[in-house]
Amino acid sequence: MIYRFSALITKEEEWYVARCPELGVTSQGKDVESARANLREAIELYLETWGPSLASH
């Protein structure tokens, strides 16, 4: 199953912070690409832990 979530990426000092507002998941990286990749991994772990049913809330 494929899910689509928003990714809001902002620069905060030396880091790029990536947030998924639908799930309340946040990650960071030294550049936009790594912040996005780290957010994707954090979302995958979140869904593994809490299940896809929470993604629809």
N, C-alpha and C. Protein backbone atom coordinates (compact mmCIF):
# COMPACT_ATOMS: atom_id res chain seq x y z
N MET A 1 0.84 -1.17 0.00
CA MET A 1 0.00 0.00 0.00
C MET A 1 0.89 1.25 0.00
N ILE A 2 0.49 2.23 -0.75
CA ILE A 2 1.27 3.48 -0.85
C ILE A 2 0.52 4.59 -0.13
N TYR A 3 1.25 5.31 0.72
CA TYR A 3 0.71 6.45 1.44
C TYR A 3 1.43 7.70 0.96
N ARG A 4 0.72 8.81 0.98
CA ARG A 4 1.34 10.10 0.66
C ARG A 4 1.11 11.04 1.84
N PHE A 5 2.20 11.64 2.28
CA PHE A 5 2.13 12.58 3.39
C PHE A 5 2.87 13.85 3.00
N SER A 6 2.52 14.93 3.66
CA SER A 6 3.21 16.20 3.44
C SER A 6 4.55 16.20 4.15
N ALA A 7 5.51 16.91 3.57
CA ALA A 7 6.81 17.12 4.21
C ALA A 7 7.09 18.61 4.19
N LEU A 8 7.18 19.18 5.36
CA LEU A 8 7.52 20.60 5.50
C LEU A 8 8.97 20.67 5.95
N ILE A 9 9.82 21.25 5.12
CA ILE A 9 11.24 21.30 5.43
C ILE A 9 11.67 22.76 5.58
N THR A 10 12.26 23.05 6.73
CA THR A 10 12.73 24.40 7.01
C THR A 10 14.19 24.34 7.46
N LYS A 11 14.90 25.43 7.24
CA LYS A 11 16.29 25.51 7.70
C LYS A 11 16.30 26.18 9.05
N GLU A 12 16.88 25.50 10.03
CA GLU A 12 16.99 26.04 11.38
C GLU A 12 18.45 25.97 11.80
N GLU A 13 19.09 27.10 11.74
CA GLU A 13 20.53 27.23 11.99
C GLU A 13 21.29 26.34 11.01
N GLU A 14 22.01 25.32 11.49
CA GLU A 14 22.83 24.50 10.60
C GLU A 14 22.10 23.28 10.05
N TRP A 15 20.88 23.03 10.50
CA TRP A 15 20.15 21.82 10.13
C TRP A 15 18.90 22.15 9.33
N TYR A 16 18.50 21.19 8.50
CA TYR A 16 17.19 21.24 7.86
C TYR A 16 16.28 20.33 8.66
N VAL A 17 15.15 20.87 9.08
CA VAL A 17 14.19 20.11 9.88
C VAL A 17 13.01 19.75 9.00
N ALA A 18 12.68 18.46 8.96
CA ALA A 18 11.58 17.95 8.13
C ALA A 18 10.47 17.47 9.05
N ARG A 19 9.27 17.96 8.76
CA ARG A 19 8.12 17.60 9.59
C ARG A 19 7.01 17.02 8.71
N CYS A 20 6.32 16.02 9.25
CA CYS A 20 5.12 15.48 8.62
C CYS A 20 3.95 15.88 9.51
N PRO A 21 3.19 16.91 9.12
CA PRO A 21 2.13 17.42 10.00
C PRO A 21 0.99 16.42 10.22
N GLU A 22 0.74 15.55 9.25
CA GLU A 22 -0.35 14.58 9.40
C GLU A 22 -0.09 13.58 10.52
N LEU A 23 1.17 13.23 10.73
CA LEU A 23 1.51 12.21 11.72
C LEU A 23 2.21 12.78 12.95
N GLY A 24 2.67 14.03 12.87
CA GLY A 24 3.41 14.60 13.98
C GLY A 24 4.82 14.05 14.10
N VAL A 25 5.38 13.61 12.97
CA VAL A 25 6.73 13.02 12.93
C VAL A 25 7.71 14.09 12.46
N THR A 26 8.86 14.16 13.11
CA THR A 26 9.88 15.15 12.76
C THR A 26 11.24 14.47 12.68
N SER A 27 12.07 14.95 11.75
CA SER A 27 13.44 14.47 11.62
C SER A 27 14.29 15.64 11.14
N GLN A 28 15.57 15.39 10.89
CA GLN A 28 16.46 16.46 10.44
C GLN A 28 17.58 15.90 9.61
N GLY A 29 18.30 16.80 8.93
CA GLY A 29 19.46 16.42 8.14
C GLY A 29 20.30 17.63 7.85
N LYS A 30 21.52 17.40 7.39
CA LYS A 30 22.44 18.49 7.06
C LYS A 30 22.08 19.20 5.76
N ASP A 31 21.29 18.52 4.90
CA ASP A 31 20.81 19.14 3.66
C ASP A 31 19.38 18.68 3.43
N VAL A 32 18.71 19.27 2.45
CA VAL A 32 17.31 18.97 2.19
C VAL A 32 17.11 17.49 1.88
N GLU A 33 17.99 16.93 1.05
CA GLU A 33 17.84 15.54 0.65
C GLU A 33 17.95 14.58 1.84
N SER A 34 18.92 14.82 2.73
CA SER A 34 19.07 13.93 3.88
C SER A 34 17.93 14.14 4.88
N ALA A 35 17.44 15.37 5.02
CA ALA A 35 16.30 15.61 5.90
C ALA A 35 15.07 14.86 5.39
N ARG A 36 14.84 14.90 4.08
CA ARG A 36 13.70 14.19 3.49
C ARG A 36 13.86 12.68 3.65
N ALA A 37 15.05 12.16 3.41
CA ALA A 37 15.30 10.72 3.56
C ALA A 37 15.13 10.29 5.01
N ASN A 38 15.62 11.09 5.94
CA ASN A 38 15.47 10.77 7.36
C ASN A 38 14.01 10.82 7.79
N LEU A 39 13.25 11.77 7.24
CA LEU A 39 11.82 11.84 7.54
C LEU A 39 11.10 10.62 7.00
N ARG A 40 11.44 10.20 5.80
CA ARG A 40 10.82 9.00 5.22
C ARG A 40 11.06 7.79 6.13
N GLU A 41 12.28 7.64 6.59
CA GLU A 41 12.61 6.53 7.48
C GLU A 41 11.83 6.63 8.79
N ALA A 42 11.74 7.85 9.34
CA ALA A 42 11.00 8.04 10.59
C ALA A 42 9.52 7.72 10.41
N ILE A 43 8.95 8.09 9.26
CA ILE A 43 7.55 7.78 8.98
C ILE A 43 7.35 6.27 8.86
N GLU A 44 8.27 5.61 8.16
CA GLU A 44 8.17 4.15 8.03
C GLU A 44 8.20 3.47 9.40
N LEU A 45 9.08 3.91 10.28
CA LEU A 45 9.15 3.36 11.63
C LEU A 45 7.88 3.66 12.42
N TYR A 46 7.37 4.86 12.26
CA TYR A 46 6.13 5.24 12.92
C TYR A 46 4.99 4.32 12.49
N LEU A 47 4.86 4.09 11.19
CA LEU A 47 3.79 3.25 10.69
C LEU A 47 3.97 1.79 11.11
N GLU A 48 5.22 1.33 11.18
CA GLU A 48 5.47 -0.04 11.66
C GLU A 48 5.05 -0.19 13.12
N THR A 49 5.26 0.87 13.91
CA THR A 49 4.95 0.83 15.32
C THR A 49 3.45 0.98 15.59
N TRP A 50 2.85 1.99 14.94
CA TRP A 50 1.47 2.33 15.24
C TRP A 50 0.46 1.81 14.24
N GLY A 51 0.93 1.33 13.08
CA GLY A 51 0.03 0.77 12.08
C GLY A 51 -0.56 1.84 11.18
N PRO A 52 -0.96 1.43 10.00
CA PRO A 52 -1.48 2.38 9.01
C PRO A 52 -2.83 2.97 9.39
N SER A 53 -3.56 2.37 10.33
CA SER A 53 -4.87 2.90 10.69
C SER A 53 -4.78 4.31 11.28
N LEU A 54 -3.67 4.61 11.93
CA LEU A 54 -3.50 5.96 12.49
C LEU A 54 -3.23 6.99 11.40
N ALA A 55 -2.76 6.57 10.25
CA ALA A 55 -2.44 7.50 9.17
C ALA A 55 -3.70 8.17 8.63
N SER A 56 -4.85 7.57 8.82
CA SER A 56 -6.08 8.14 8.29
C SER A 56 -6.75 9.09 9.28
N HIS A 57 -6.19 9.29 10.48
CA HIS A 57 -6.80 10.17 11.48
C HIS A 57 -6.37 11.57 11.30
